[in-house]
Amino acid sequence: MGNSGHNYDNSISGSIRKRASGGAGGYVGEFKNKTLGLYMMYATEKKDLVLVRCTDGIFVFNCKNRDELVEYAQQKLKKG
């Protein structure tokens, strides 16, 4: 997960839809670009994005309280 306050909104620029829908109603499915490679996105808007790297892949979603979510997740991960 990125640092609190880091803006991942630009990380999705230049993306193409692989197996996805994008536009009215949101952006859902598999996308690809030079920055992230192949990733899954579940977002209603292309702002306030959260990027999560897992062993299963890269996931991008949006959250109005992005910074608070990232801070909370980082605290939980430190506690292990």
Foldseek 3Di string as FASTA:
>chain_A
DDAQPDWCLCVCPPKDADPWDDDQQHTFAWIADPRFGIETEDERDSGQKDWDQDPVGIYIYHDPPNNVVVVVVVVVVVVD
